[in-house]
Every structure is written in C-alpha cells, then in structure tokens.
Amino acid sequence: MEEKKLYPFRFCSLRDEYPWGSDEFLLADLGYRDSLVRNGWLGGNAISEVMDTYMDRVVGENVYEFWGRQFPVQVKHIRVKGKMPLRVHPDAETAKDRYDFLGREKLWYVLRAGADARLLLGFKEDTDASALYTKCMDGSVAGLLNSISPKAGDFFHIRPGVPHAAAGDVEILEISESSPLDFCLCGWGEEVSPDEFDASLNLVDALDFIDYKAWERPEAPAPAEGDRAGVTKLISIPEFTVSLVPLREPLAVEGGESDSFVLYTCIEGEASVQIDVLGRKALFPLQKDEAVLVPAECSDFFIVPTARDTMILETAVAHRE
C-alpha cells in the first residue's frame, strides 16, 4: 500500500506563566513540553511521535544523520512585563558531556518594545567568576552587564556562555536549539519558579562555562539581492539558519539539494503555505504568532501572503559534510 505523503504541520501552543511574564512555545520537542500537531491525519500526535515514526522524512536525511530523532529547533514567544531572571546556556560540548542534551544557541528577535524595555546582554568589560558570583548573590549584577534599549525588529545572536535577560514591557521571539538548558544566575531578589529552572541548573554550576569577556554586538547583515531580494539572513550557524522574509508576493520554494525541513513563523500579517496534493492545491494557513513546519518530503511549494505587510521568519538547517 502506498504511504501517505507528509504535509505542512500546524501546532497547538504551550504557555507557561511566571511572575515576570510568560513563555509560549510555538514548537517544542523537549519531552516535558511536546507540541501537538493540530491539523490533518496526524492531528493529535506530538512532534516527538511524528519524529519517531517518520524521521528523515520530516527533517531530511542530512539533518537526521546529525540530530537524530529529536526535532532540532524550538520556537517560543516571550512576553515580559517585569524582570526576567538572568540566565545563561552552555556550549554543545558541556551540554552533551554533563547532561546529554543539545546546546542552546539562541536568536532573540524583538517583536515589540515599550518605552521601559531593556535587554541585558553580556558584560560591559572583561570580568571574572569571583566578581560575577558576588554581584549575583547581592543582586547588583546588572551593573556588570550591557543594557540595551531595544526596538521592534532588533535581533541578537546569544552565544553560549553569554548572560542575558529582558526587563520592562517587551515581547521576543526566541528560536533556539531543542534544549531545556537555561541556568539561573540571579532572580533579582525574587523567588524563582521551580517550573522555570531545574534546581541543579544554577549559578555555581554555570561558573566554568560563562564567557567573561566583554560582549560586542555584531554588525547587522545586509538584505539579499537577486532571487531573494529583501530577505535578511539574521543568523547562519551550523545549528540552524534564520532569515527575515518580507512576503509581498507569492514565494516559490524548491527543495532541490537542501534536504531540510523549513519552519515558518509569522511575525506580522498572515500567509498560506500551498502544496500540490494529487493534482489539487492544498492550503495551510499561517497566522500571526503561529509556526508551520514544512517537512523535507514536501520539496516544492508556495508560500503566499494573505494580508498586507506580512513578515515571516524562515528557519532551516544547512547541509553539513
């Protein structure tokens, strides 16, 4: 019997409330947080179950060889209304050797920022573990950190070892590797929810992998030209790539040699992913604050704006030798 072909997946979101705001997973494959497919004949299945069954048909052969049965990236919408605890994530080697998890490379894309919004990112000057420990314990660590007043459209690659937090009225879309490894460095004198951080992921255990050098903001990349005119690649690392796509007209996507899934997250407007199924056009809506996963098996498709000023983030994993 012929196998059913996979199709673009929409997901049920998962929201966690904290004293400082909320995390809403648009896509997660973490075991304790698994997104459910909300459409089609696989509706009601967790992404982990889909990966266990369809493996490289979902992510592509090359991605599957490197990352295995865990979907390699996660997406969440962070809404801050107070002061997020200061956190840091480890590099891939530390994550694997100590915890058997992936690392936690991150991209933060600012969706909205109020007048009082602040991002704390990395150290203003070179420091050391002793100074950081003392400042974290007395709650004055913000004095060591860069304080940035963000605006909508700003984005930041947060590398392993870089302390970071958000405060004030700000919304962020976070795209990262599929990993729960955030270590809590400082709660600013407030009680930290045990649902947000594992008690073992704390300041003392993070001291040896923190990057104590002064943090420098990289230069912003230029928009692409030619066939991808106007598209801006926000981050391109072995773990994943993310591009900002202003969707003004239908965009044809051909799988070709990429052999990777494509994940679309709508940050403004709305769109529709359109594929051919048995000679008929099938439509998969992509609304604001939603993610649609197009499996590697769906090699050719269109993504079409259905509202003005539609903007999407396109996430994939590049081929690796």
C-alpha atoms as a PDB file:
ATOM      1  CA  MET A   1       0.000   0.000   0.000  1.00  0.00           C
ATOM      2  CA  GLU A   2       1.328   3.440  -0.918  1.00  0.00           C
ATOM      3  CA  GLU A   3       2.482   5.546   2.043  1.00  0.00           C
ATOM      4  CA  LYS A   4       0.663   8.771   2.747  1.00  0.00           C
ATOM      5  CA  LYS A   5       2.760  11.796   1.953  1.00  0.00           C
ATOM      6  CA  LEU A   6       3.536  14.192   4.782  1.00  0.00           C
ATOM      7  CA  TYR A   7       2.149  17.711   4.711  1.00  0.00           C
ATOM      8  CA  PRO A   8       2.790  21.082   6.468  1.00  0.00           C
ATOM      9  CA  PHE A   9       2.114  20.827  10.200  1.00  0.00           C
ATOM     10  CA  ARG A  10       0.416  23.443  12.374  1.00  0.00           C
ATOM     11  CA  PHE A  11       0.774  23.159  16.150  1.00  0.00           C
ATOM     12  CA  CYS A  12      -1.055  23.767  19.405  1.00  0.00           C
ATOM     13  CA  SER A  13       0.910  26.254  21.514  1.00  0.00           C
ATOM     14  CA  LEU A  14       2.030  25.641  25.119  1.00  0.00           C
ATOM     15  CA  ARG A  15       2.061  28.605  27.508  1.00  0.00           C
ATOM     16  CA  ASP A  16       3.784  28.882  30.899  1.00  0.00           C
ATOM     17  CA  GLU A  17       3.084  31.842  33.200  1.00  0.00           C
ATOM     18  CA  TYR A  18       5.740  33.295  35.526  1.00  0.00           C
ATOM     19  CA  PRO A  19       5.836  36.310  37.875  1.00  0.00           C
ATOM     20  CA  TRP A  20       7.783  38.285  35.252  1.00  0.00           C
ATOM     21  CA  GLY A  21       5.639  37.316  32.231  1.00  0.00           C
ATOM     22  CA  SER A  22       5.207  34.196  30.107  1.00  0.00           C
ATOM     23  CA  ASP A  23       6.808  31.738  27.695  1.00  0.00           C
ATOM     24  CA  GLU A  24       4.608  30.399  24.909  1.00  0.00           C
ATOM     25  CA  PHE A  25       6.124  27.529  22.943  1.00  0.00           C
ATOM     26  CA  LEU A  26       5.025  27.664  19.313  1.00  0.00           C
ATOM     27  CA  LEU A  27       7.024  24.491  18.650  1.00  0.00           C
ATOM     28  CA  ALA A  28       8.830  22.325  21.186  1.00  0.00           C
ATOM     29  CA  ASP A  29      10.205  18.770  21.299  1.00  0.00           C
ATOM     30  CA  LEU A  30      11.521  18.569  24.863  1.00  0.00           C
ATOM     31  CA  GLY A  31       9.767  15.571  26.392  1.00  0.00           C
ATOM     32  CA  TYR A  32       8.217  17.569  29.223  1.00  0.00           C
ATOM     33  CA  ARG A  33       6.998  20.058  26.592  1.00  0.00           C
ATOM     34  CA  ASP A  34       5.900  18.460  23.300  1.00  0.00           C
ATOM     35  CA  SER A  35       3.857  20.347  20.730  1.00  0.00           C
ATOM     36  CA  LEU A  36       0.808  18.577  19.303  1.00  0.00           C
ATOM     37  CA  VAL A  37       0.040  18.649  15.592  1.00  0.00           C
ATOM     38  CA  ARG A  38      -3.321  20.374  15.189  1.00  0.00           C
ATOM     39  CA  ASN A  39      -4.196  19.598  11.562  1.00  0.00           C
ATOM     40  CA  GLY A  40      -4.520  16.717   9.116  1.00  0.00           C
ATOM     41  CA  TRP A  41      -4.349  12.973   9.594  1.00  0.00           C
ATOM     42  CA  LEU A  42      -1.513  13.285  12.120  1.00  0.00           C
ATOM     43  CA  GLY A  43      -3.528  15.736  14.239  1.00  0.00           C
ATOM     44  CA  GLY A  44      -3.245  14.998  17.970  1.00  0.00           C
ATOM     45  CA  ASN A  45       0.214  13.421  17.668  1.00  0.00           C
ATOM     46  CA  ALA A  46       3.146  15.045  19.452  1.00  0.00           C
ATOM     47  CA  ILE A  47       6.082  16.213  17.340  1.00  0.00           C
ATOM     48  CA  SER A  48       8.204  13.600  19.170  1.00  0.00           C
ATOM     49  CA  GLU A  49       5.838  10.839  17.968  1.00  0.00           C
ATOM     50  CA  VAL A  50       5.956  12.171  14.413  1.00  0.00           C
ATOM     51  CA  MET A  51       9.766  12.217  14.561  1.00  0.00           C
ATOM     52  CA  ASP A  52       9.909   8.663  15.966  1.00  0.00           C
ATOM     53  CA  THR A  53       7.798   7.389  13.086  1.00  0.00           C
ATOM     54  CA  TYR A  54       8.793   9.466  10.062  1.00  0.00           C
ATOM     55  CA  MET A  55      12.341  10.538  10.998  1.00  0.00           C
ATOM     56  CA  ASP A  56      14.251  11.772   7.921  1.00  0.00           C
ATOM     57  CA  ARG A  57      11.004  12.275   6.006  1.00  0.00           C
ATOM     58  CA  VAL A  58      10.340  15.152   8.396  1.00  0.00           C
ATOM     59  CA  VAL A  59      13.752  16.798   8.722  1.00  0.00           C
ATOM     60  CA  GLY A  60      15.744  15.434   5.764  1.00  0.00           C
ATOM     61  CA  GLU A  61      18.439  12.755   5.614  1.00  0.00           C
ATOM     62  CA  ASN A  62      21.384  15.029   6.358  1.00  0.00           C
ATOM     63  CA  VAL A  63      19.679  16.716   9.320  1.00  0.00           C
ATOM     64  CA  TYR A  64      18.601  13.328  10.689  1.00  0.00           C
ATOM     65  CA  GLU A  65      22.170  11.977  10.482  1.00  0.00           C
ATOM     66  CA  PHE A  66      23.404  14.803  12.719  1.00  0.00           C
ATOM     67  CA  TRP A  67      20.496  15.416  15.088  1.00  0.00           C
ATOM     68  CA  GLY A  68      18.662  12.097  15.300  1.00  0.00           C
ATOM     69  CA  ARG A  69      15.035  11.736  16.372  1.00  0.00           C
ATOM     70  CA  GLN A  70      14.708  14.963  18.311  1.00  0.00           C
ATOM     71  CA  PHE A  71      13.415  17.858  16.244  1.00  0.00           C
ATOM     72  CA  PRO A  72      16.468  20.166  16.246  1.00  0.00           C
ATOM     73  CA  VAL A  73      14.956  23.627  16.887  1.00  0.00           C
ATOM     74  CA  GLN A  74      12.299  25.177  19.105  1.00  0.00           C
ATOM     75  CA  VAL A  75      10.374  28.448  18.914  1.00  0.00           C
ATOM     76  CA  LYS A  76       8.778  30.421  21.719  1.00  0.00           C
ATOM     77  CA  HIS A  77       7.091  33.782  22.173  1.00  0.00           C
ATOM     78  CA  ILE A  78       8.389  35.510  25.319  1.00  0.00           C
ATOM     79  CA  ARG A  79       6.224  38.226  26.875  1.00  0.00           C
ATOM     80  CA  VAL A  80       7.951  40.234  29.599  1.00  0.00           C
ATOM     81  CA  LYS A  81       6.092  42.546  31.993  1.00  0.00           C
ATOM     82  CA  GLY A  82       8.654  42.668  34.793  1.00  0.00           C
ATOM     83  CA  LYS A  83      12.247  41.456  35.115  1.00  0.00           C
ATOM     84  CA  MET A  84      13.204  38.069  33.754  1.00  0.00           C
ATOM     85  CA  PRO A  85      15.758  36.136  35.847  1.00  0.00           C
ATOM     86  CA  LEU A  86      19.297  36.412  34.485  1.00  0.00           C
ATOM     87  CA  ARG A  87      20.218  33.227  32.649  1.00  0.00           C
ATOM     88  CA  VAL A  88      22.932  31.588  30.599  1.00  0.00           C
ATOM     89  CA  HIS A  89      23.174  28.462  28.444  1.00  0.00           C
ATOM     90  CA  PRO A  90      26.131  26.095  27.894  1.00  0.00           C
ATOM     91  CA  ASP A  91      28.052  25.190  24.766  1.00  0.00           C
ATOM     92  CA  ALA A  92      27.338  21.939  22.920  1.00  0.00           C
ATOM     93  CA  GLU A  93      30.248  20.016  24.462  1.00  0.00           C
ATOM     94  CA  THR A  94      29.298  20.920  28.045  1.00  0.00           C
ATOM     95  CA  ALA A  95      25.621  20.181  27.388  1.00  0.00           C
ATOM     96  CA  LYS A  96      26.371  16.755  25.932  1.00  0.00           C
ATOM     97  CA  ASP A  97      29.030  15.633  28.391  1.00  0.00           C
ATOM     98  CA  ARG A  98      27.216  16.732  31.568  1.00  0.00           C
ATOM     99  CA  TYR A  99      23.534  16.483  30.712  1.00  0.00           C
ATOM    100  CA  ASP A 100      23.207  14.522  27.442  1.00  0.00           C
ATOM    101  CA  PHE A 101      21.316  17.423  25.851  1.00  0.00           C
ATOM    102  CA  LEU A 102      21.909  19.659  22.879  1.00  0.00           C
ATOM    103  CA  GLY A 103      23.499  23.054  23.467  1.00  0.00           C
ATOM    104  CA  ARG A 104      21.305  26.142  23.334  1.00  0.00           C
ATOM    105  CA  GLU A 105      22.360  28.548  20.588  1.00  0.00           C
ATOM    106  CA  LYS A 106      19.693  31.285  20.554  1.00  0.00           C
ATOM    107  CA  LEU A 107      18.308  34.014  18.372  1.00  0.00           C
ATOM    108  CA  TRP A 108      16.201  36.747  20.006  1.00  0.00           C
ATOM    109  CA  TYR A 109      14.019  38.767  17.634  1.00  0.00           C
ATOM    110  CA  VAL A 110      12.252  41.740  19.231  1.00  0.00           C
ATOM    111  CA  LEU A 111       8.564  41.785  18.265  1.00  0.00           C
ATOM    112  CA  ARG A 112       7.508  44.798  20.354  1.00  0.00           C
ATOM    113  CA  ALA A 113       9.198  47.066  22.888  1.00  0.00           C
ATOM    114  CA  GLY A 114       7.699  49.557  25.322  1.00  0.00           C
ATOM    115  CA  ALA A 115       9.441  52.720  26.456  1.00  0.00           C
ATOM    116  CA  ASP A 116      10.879  50.965  29.534  1.00  0.00           C
ATOM    117  CA  ALA A 117      12.081  47.842  27.705  1.00  0.00           C
ATOM    118  CA  ARG A 118      15.644  46.710  28.396  1.00  0.00           C
ATOM    119  CA  LEU A 119      17.781  43.776  27.311  1.00  0.00           C
ATOM    120  CA  LEU A 120      20.749  42.772  29.455  1.00  0.00           C
ATOM    121  CA  LEU A 121      23.324  41.088  27.203  1.00  0.00           C
ATOM    122  CA  GLY A 122      26.860  40.089  28.137  1.00  0.00           C
ATOM    123  CA  PHE A 123      29.450  42.025  30.097  1.00  0.00           C
ATOM    124  CA  LYS A 124      30.385  45.676  29.542  1.00  0.00           C
ATOM    125  CA  GLU A 125      34.002  44.896  30.405  1.00  0.00           C
ATOM    126  CA  ASP A 126      36.057  41.754  30.961  1.00  0.00           C
ATOM    127  CA  THR A 127      35.274  40.276  34.368  1.00  0.00           C
ATOM    128  CA  ASP A 128      35.774  37.011  36.283  1.00  0.00           C
ATOM    129  CA  ALA A 129      33.865  34.331  38.172  1.00  0.00           C
ATOM    130  CA  SER A 130      34.511  35.874  41.596  1.00  0.00           C
ATOM    131  CA  ALA A 131      33.075  39.270  40.649  1.00  0.00           C
ATOM    132  CA  LEU A 132      30.086  37.685  38.907  1.00  0.00           C
ATOM    133  CA  TYR A 133      29.303  35.415  41.877  1.00  0.00           C
ATOM    134  CA  THR A 134      29.432  38.312  44.356  1.00  0.00           C
ATOM    135  CA  LYS A 135      27.227  40.552  42.218  1.00  0.00           C
ATOM    136  CA  CYS A 136      24.705  37.804  41.542  1.00  0.00           C
ATOM    137  CA  MET A 137      24.412  36.996  45.237  1.00  0.00           C
ATOM    138  CA  ASP A 138      23.772  40.611  46.272  1.00  0.00           C
ATOM    139  CA  GLY A 139      21.523  41.348  43.276  1.00  0.00           C
ATOM    140  CA  SER A 140      23.714  44.083  41.764  1.00  0.00           C
ATOM    141  CA  VAL A 141      24.928  42.093  38.744  1.00  0.00           C
ATOM    142  CA  ALA A 142      23.086  44.399  36.298  1.00  0.00           C
ATOM    143  CA  GLY A 143      25.958  46.881  36.796  1.00  0.00           C
ATOM    144  CA  LEU A 144      28.310  44.440  35.041  1.00  0.00           C
ATOM    145  CA  LEU A 145      26.061  43.955  32.022  1.00  0.00           C
ATOM    146  CA  ASN A 146      25.287  45.826  28.808  1.00  0.00           C
ATOM    147  CA  SER A 147      21.838  47.432  28.990  1.00  0.00           C
ATOM    148  CA  ILE A 148      20.222  47.847  25.575  1.00  0.00           C
ATOM    149  CA  SER A 149      17.024  49.758  24.781  1.00  0.00           C
ATOM    150  CA  PRO A 150      15.535  47.555  22.060  1.00  0.00           C
ATOM    151  CA  LYS A 151      13.055  48.392  19.331  1.00  0.00           C
ATOM    152  CA  ALA A 152      10.824  46.177  17.215  1.00  0.00           C
ATOM    153  CA  GLY A 153      12.884  44.424  14.551  1.00  0.00           C
ATOM    154  CA  ASP A 154      16.119  44.238  16.548  1.00  0.00           C
ATOM    155  CA  PHE A 155      17.690  40.780  16.725  1.00  0.00           C
ATOM    156  CA  PHE A 156      20.524  39.250  18.716  1.00  0.00           C
ATOM    157  CA  HIS A 157      22.512  36.028  18.421  1.00  0.00           C
ATOM    158  CA  ILE A 158      23.013  34.947  22.025  1.00  0.00           C
ATOM    159  CA  ARG A 159      26.002  32.645  22.062  1.00  0.00           C
ATOM    160  CA  PRO A 160      26.672  30.007  24.728  1.00  0.00           C
ATOM    161  CA  GLY A 161      28.148  31.475  27.902  1.00  0.00           C
ATOM    162  CA  VAL A 162      26.653  34.970  27.452  1.00  0.00           C
ATOM    163  CA  PRO A 163      24.427  36.035  30.412  1.00  0.00           C
ATOM    164  CA  HIS A 164      21.164  37.593  29.275  1.00  0.00           C
ATOM    165  CA  ALA A 165      17.736  38.747  30.442  1.00  0.00           C
ATOM    166  CA  ALA A 166      14.887  41.052  29.454  1.00  0.00           C
ATOM    167  CA  ALA A 167      13.033  43.620  31.554  1.00  0.00           C
ATOM    168  CA  GLY A 168      10.190  46.095  31.240  1.00  0.00           C
ATOM    169  CA  ASP A 169       7.489  45.767  28.596  1.00  0.00           C
ATOM    170  CA  VAL A 170       8.916  43.719  25.733  1.00  0.00           C
ATOM    171  CA  GLU A 171       7.982  40.776  23.509  1.00  0.00           C
ATOM    172  CA  ILE A 172      10.606  38.495  21.969  1.00  0.00           C
ATOM    173  CA  LEU A 173      10.518  35.587  19.567  1.00  0.00           C
ATOM    174  CA  GLU A 174      13.190  33.102  20.568  1.00  0.00           C
ATOM    175  CA  ILE A 175      14.479  30.477  18.133  1.00  0.00           C
ATOM    176  CA  SER A 176      16.985  28.064  19.610  1.00  0.00           C
ATOM    177  CA  GLU A 177      18.225  24.508  19.621  1.00  0.00           C
ATOM    178  CA  SER A 178      15.862  21.997  21.217  1.00  0.00           C
ATOM    179  CA  SER A 179      17.215  22.036  24.752  1.00  0.00           C
ATOM    180  CA  PRO A 180      15.919  22.917  28.236  1.00  0.00           C
ATOM    181  CA  LEU A 181      19.359  24.065  29.400  1.00  0.00           C
ATOM    182  CA  ASP A 182      18.996  27.564  30.788  1.00  0.00           C
ATOM    183  CA  PHE A 183      20.906  28.144  34.042  1.00  0.00           C
ATOM    184  CA  CYS A 184      19.513  30.686  36.510  1.00  0.00           C
ATOM    185  CA  LEU A 185      22.215  33.162  37.601  1.00  0.00           C
ATOM    186  CA  CYS A 186      20.150  35.737  39.501  1.00  0.00           C
ATOM    187  CA  GLY A 187      16.479  36.200  40.359  1.00  0.00           C
ATOM    188  CA  TRP A 188      16.901  39.854  41.406  1.00  0.00           C
ATOM    189  CA  GLY A 189      15.823  39.078  44.971  1.00  0.00           C
ATOM    190  CA  GLU A 190      12.566  37.424  43.856  1.00  0.00           C
ATOM    191  CA  GLU A 191      11.623  33.775  44.259  1.00  0.00           C
ATOM    192  CA  VAL A 192      12.323  31.856  41.053  1.00  0.00           C
ATOM    193  CA  SER A 193       9.663  29.401  39.898  1.00  0.00           C
ATOM    194  CA  PRO A 194      10.795  25.741  40.062  1.00  0.00           C
ATOM    195  CA  ASP A 195       8.794  25.216  36.864  1.00  0.00           C
ATOM    196  CA  GLU A 196      11.104  27.597  35.021  1.00  0.00           C
ATOM    197  CA  PHE A 197      14.529  26.316  36.113  1.00  0.00           C
ATOM    198  CA  ASP A 198      15.760  22.934  37.281  1.00  0.00           C
ATOM    199  CA  ALA A 199      17.304  23.483  40.724  1.00  0.00           C
ATOM    200  CA  SER A 200      20.552  21.868  39.536  1.00  0.00           C
ATOM    201  CA  LEU A 201      20.957  24.443  36.744  1.00  0.00           C
ATOM    202  CA  ASN A 202      22.252  27.226  38.928  1.00  0.00           C
ATOM    203  CA  LEU A 203      24.949  29.873  39.258  1.00  0.00           C
ATOM    204  CA  VAL A 204      27.634  27.624  40.775  1.00  0.00           C
ATOM    205  CA  ASP A 205      27.286  25.002  38.032  1.00  0.00           C
ATOM    206  CA  ALA A 206      27.490  27.667  35.314  1.00  0.00           C
ATOM    207  CA  LEU A 207      30.612  29.499  36.501  1.00  0.00           C
ATOM    208  CA  ASP A 208      33.055  27.399  34.479  1.00  0.00           C
ATOM    209  CA  PHE A 209      31.406  27.866  31.064  1.00  0.00           C
ATOM    210  CA  ILE A 210      30.394  31.540  31.241  1.00  0.00           C
ATOM    211  CA  ASP A 211      32.103  33.865  28.740  1.00  0.00           C
ATOM    212  CA  TYR A 212      33.669  36.565  30.946  1.00  0.00           C
ATOM    213  CA  LYS A 213      34.956  38.694  28.077  1.00  0.00           C
ATOM    214  CA  ALA A 214      33.289  41.985  27.108  1.00  0.00           C
ATOM    215  CA  TRP A 215      30.370  41.406  24.739  1.00  0.00           C
ATOM    216  CA  GLU A 216      30.325  43.170  21.382  1.00  0.00           C
ATOM    217  CA  ARG A 217      27.217  43.497  19.266  1.00  0.00           C
ATOM    218  CA  PRO A 218      27.888  42.202  15.731  1.00  0.00           C
ATOM    219  CA  GLU A 219      27.159  44.329  12.695  1.00  0.00           C
ATOM    220  CA  ALA A 220      23.720  43.894  11.150  1.00  0.00           C
ATOM    221  CA  PRO A 221      23.689  41.857   7.900  1.00  0.00           C
ATOM    222  CA  ALA A 222      22.558  43.443   4.636  1.00  0.00           C
ATOM    223  CA  PRO A 223      19.385  42.287   2.814  1.00  0.00           C
ATOM    224  CA  ALA A 224      19.971  39.823  -0.020  1.00  0.00           C
ATOM    225  CA  GLU A 225      19.649  40.706  -3.680  1.00  0.00           C
ATOM    226  CA  GLY A 226      18.585  38.768  -6.769  1.00  0.00           C
ATOM    227  CA  ASP A 227      16.081  35.942  -6.337  1.00  0.00           C
ATOM    228  CA  ARG A 228      15.908  36.572  -2.594  1.00  0.00           C
ATOM    229  CA  ALA A 229      15.771  40.372  -2.753  1.00  0.00           C
ATOM    230  CA  GLY A 230      14.828  41.961   0.533  1.00  0.00           C
ATOM    231  CA  VAL A 231      15.439  38.788   2.560  1.00  0.00           C
ATOM    232  CA  THR A 232      17.816  39.288   5.502  1.00  0.00           C
ATOM    233  CA  LYS A 233      19.710  36.339   6.955  1.00  0.00           C
ATOM    234  CA  LEU A 234      19.657  37.029  10.696  1.00  0.00           C
ATOM    235  CA  ILE A 235      21.795  34.094  11.764  1.00  0.00           C
ATOM    236  CA  SER A 236      23.708  31.340   9.968  1.00  0.00           C
ATOM    237  CA  ILE A 237      25.392  28.806  12.222  1.00  0.00           C
ATOM    238  CA  PRO A 238      25.790  25.025  11.894  1.00  0.00           C
ATOM    239  CA  GLU A 239      22.857  24.503  14.256  1.00  0.00           C
ATOM    240  CA  PHE A 240      20.314  26.492  12.212  1.00  0.00           C
ATOM    241  CA  THR A 241      19.773  29.450   9.913  1.00  0.00           C
ATOM    242  CA  VAL A 242      17.053  32.085  10.278  1.00  0.00           C
ATOM    243  CA  SER A 243      16.059  34.606   7.599  1.00  0.00           C
ATOM    244  CA  LEU A 244      13.620  37.512   7.773  1.00  0.00           C
ATOM    245  CA  VAL A 245      11.328  37.400   4.736  1.00  0.00           C
ATOM    246  CA  PRO A 246       9.058  40.342   3.802  1.00  0.00           C
ATOM    247  CA  LEU A 247       6.303  38.498   1.974  1.00  0.00           C
ATOM    248  CA  ARG A 248       4.924  40.924  -0.617  1.00  0.00           C
ATOM    249  CA  GLU A 249       4.049  38.353  -3.295  1.00  0.00           C
ATOM    250  CA  PRO A 250       3.864  34.554  -3.602  1.00  0.00           C
ATOM    251  CA  LEU A 251       7.224  32.904  -2.947  1.00  0.00           C
ATOM    252  CA  ALA A 252       8.101  29.643  -4.719  1.00  0.00           C
ATOM    253  CA  VAL A 253      10.251  27.315  -2.613  1.00  0.00           C
ATOM    254  CA  GLU A 254      12.037  24.413  -4.267  1.00  0.00           C
ATOM    255  CA  GLY A 255      13.560  21.734  -2.043  1.00  0.00           C
ATOM    256  CA  GLY A 256      16.292  20.833  -4.523  1.00  0.00           C
ATOM    257  CA  GLU A 257      19.540  19.906  -2.800  1.00  0.00           C
ATOM    258  CA  SER A 258      18.828  21.496   0.600  1.00  0.00           C
ATOM    259  CA  ASP A 259      17.340  18.276   2.036  1.00  0.00           C
ATOM    260  CA  SER A 260      15.964  20.124   5.077  1.00  0.00           C
ATOM    261  CA  PHE A 261      12.644  20.959   6.612  1.00  0.00           C
ATOM    262  CA  VAL A 262      11.592  24.620   6.541  1.00  0.00           C
ATOM    263  CA  LEU A 263       9.895  26.210   9.542  1.00  0.00           C
ATOM    264  CA  TYR A 264       7.928  29.425   9.044  1.00  0.00           C
ATOM    265  CA  THR A 265       6.929  31.703  11.906  1.00  0.00           C
ATOM    266  CA  CYS A 266       4.629  34.622  11.129  1.00  0.00           C
ATOM    267  CA  ILE A 267       5.509  37.826  12.975  1.00  0.00           C
ATOM    268  CA  GLU A 268       3.194  40.202  11.089  1.00  0.00           C
ATOM    269  CA  GLY A 269       0.160  39.736   8.820  1.00  0.00           C
ATOM    270  CA  GLU A 270      -0.768  36.232   7.676  1.00  0.00           C
ATOM    271  CA  ALA A 271       0.071  33.812   4.892  1.00  0.00           C
ATOM    272  CA  SER A 272      -0.725  30.416   3.432  1.00  0.00           C
ATOM    273  CA  VAL A 273       1.562  27.509   2.574  1.00  0.00           C
ATOM    274  CA  GLN A 274       0.304  25.889  -0.626  1.00  0.00           C
ATOM    275  CA  ILE A 275       1.331  22.474  -1.897  1.00  0.00           C
ATOM    276  CA  ASP A 276       0.084  20.138  -4.612  1.00  0.00           C
ATOM    277  CA  VAL A 277      -1.690  17.020  -3.328  1.00  0.00           C
ATOM    278  CA  LEU A 278      -2.767  14.555  -6.019  1.00  0.00           C
ATOM    279  CA  GLY A 279      -3.125  17.351  -8.550  1.00  0.00           C
ATOM    280  CA  ARG A 280      -5.099  19.628  -6.230  1.00  0.00           C
ATOM    281  CA  LYS A 281      -3.894  22.688  -4.337  1.00  0.00           C
ATOM    282  CA  ALA A 282      -3.925  22.231  -0.535  1.00  0.00           C
ATOM    283  CA  LEU A 283      -3.792  25.330   1.674  1.00  0.00           C
ATOM    284  CA  PHE A 284      -2.241  25.530   5.164  1.00  0.00           C
ATOM    285  CA  PRO A 285      -2.865  28.869   6.935  1.00  0.00           C
ATOM    286  CA  LEU A 286      -0.046  30.638   8.762  1.00  0.00           C
ATOM    287  CA  GLN A 287      -1.367  33.307  11.118  1.00  0.00           C
ATOM    288  CA  LYS A 288       0.483  35.812  13.266  1.00  0.00           C
ATOM    289  CA  ASP A 289       2.228  34.180  16.258  1.00  0.00           C
ATOM    290  CA  GLU A 290       1.975  30.740  14.675  1.00  0.00           C
ATOM    291  CA  ALA A 291       4.541  28.335  13.238  1.00  0.00           C
ATOM    292  CA  VAL A 292       4.107  25.973  10.283  1.00  0.00           C
ATOM    293  CA  LEU A 293       6.597  23.165   9.699  1.00  0.00           C
ATOM    294  CA  VAL A 294       7.039  22.098   6.084  1.00  0.00           C
ATOM    295  CA  PRO A 295       8.646  18.619   6.128  1.00  0.00           C
ATOM    296  CA  ALA A 296      11.628  17.878   3.899  1.00  0.00           C
ATOM    297  CA  GLU A 297       9.387  15.461   1.988  1.00  0.00           C
ATOM    298  CA  CYS A 298       7.363  18.460   0.718  1.00  0.00           C
ATOM    299  CA  SER A 299      10.133  19.561  -1.614  1.00  0.00           C
ATOM    300  CA  ASP A 300       8.231  22.110  -3.723  1.00  0.00           C
ATOM    301  CA  PHE A 301       5.579  24.549  -2.506  1.00  0.00           C
ATOM    302  CA  PHE A 302       4.453  28.169  -2.447  1.00  0.00           C
ATOM    303  CA  ILE A 303       4.061  30.496   0.492  1.00  0.00           C
ATOM    304  CA  VAL A 304       1.540  33.214  -0.290  1.00  0.00           C
ATOM    305  CA  PRO A 305       0.719  36.382   1.687  1.00  0.00           C
ATOM    306  CA  THR A 306      -2.987  36.694   2.549  1.00  0.00           C
ATOM    307  CA  ALA A 307      -2.666  40.079   4.295  1.00  0.00           C
ATOM    308  CA  ARG A 308      -0.677  43.242   3.643  1.00  0.00           C
ATOM    309  CA  ASP A 309       2.762  43.804   5.181  1.00  0.00           C
ATOM    310  CA  THR A 310       3.237  40.133   6.012  1.00  0.00           C
ATOM    311  CA  MET A 311       6.603  39.267   7.585  1.00  0.00           C
ATOM    312  CA  ILE A 312       7.833  35.768   8.346  1.00  0.00           C
ATOM    313  CA  LEU A 313      10.920  34.169   9.836  1.00  0.00           C
ATOM    314  CA  GLU A 314      12.239  31.200   7.869  1.00  0.00           C
ATOM    315  CA  THR A 315      14.227  28.593   9.833  1.00  0.00           C
ATOM    316  CA  ALA A 316      16.141  25.652   8.373  1.00  0.00           C
ATOM    317  CA  VAL A 317      19.290  23.616   8.980  1.00  0.00           C
ATOM    318  CA  ALA A 318      22.057  23.871   6.392  1.00  0.00           C
ATOM    319  CA  HIS A 319      23.658  20.803   4.827  1.00  0.00           C
ATOM    320  CA  ARG A 320      26.712  19.559   6.741  1.00  0.00           C
ATOM    321  CA  GLU A 321      29.513  17.359   5.477  1.00  0.00           C
END
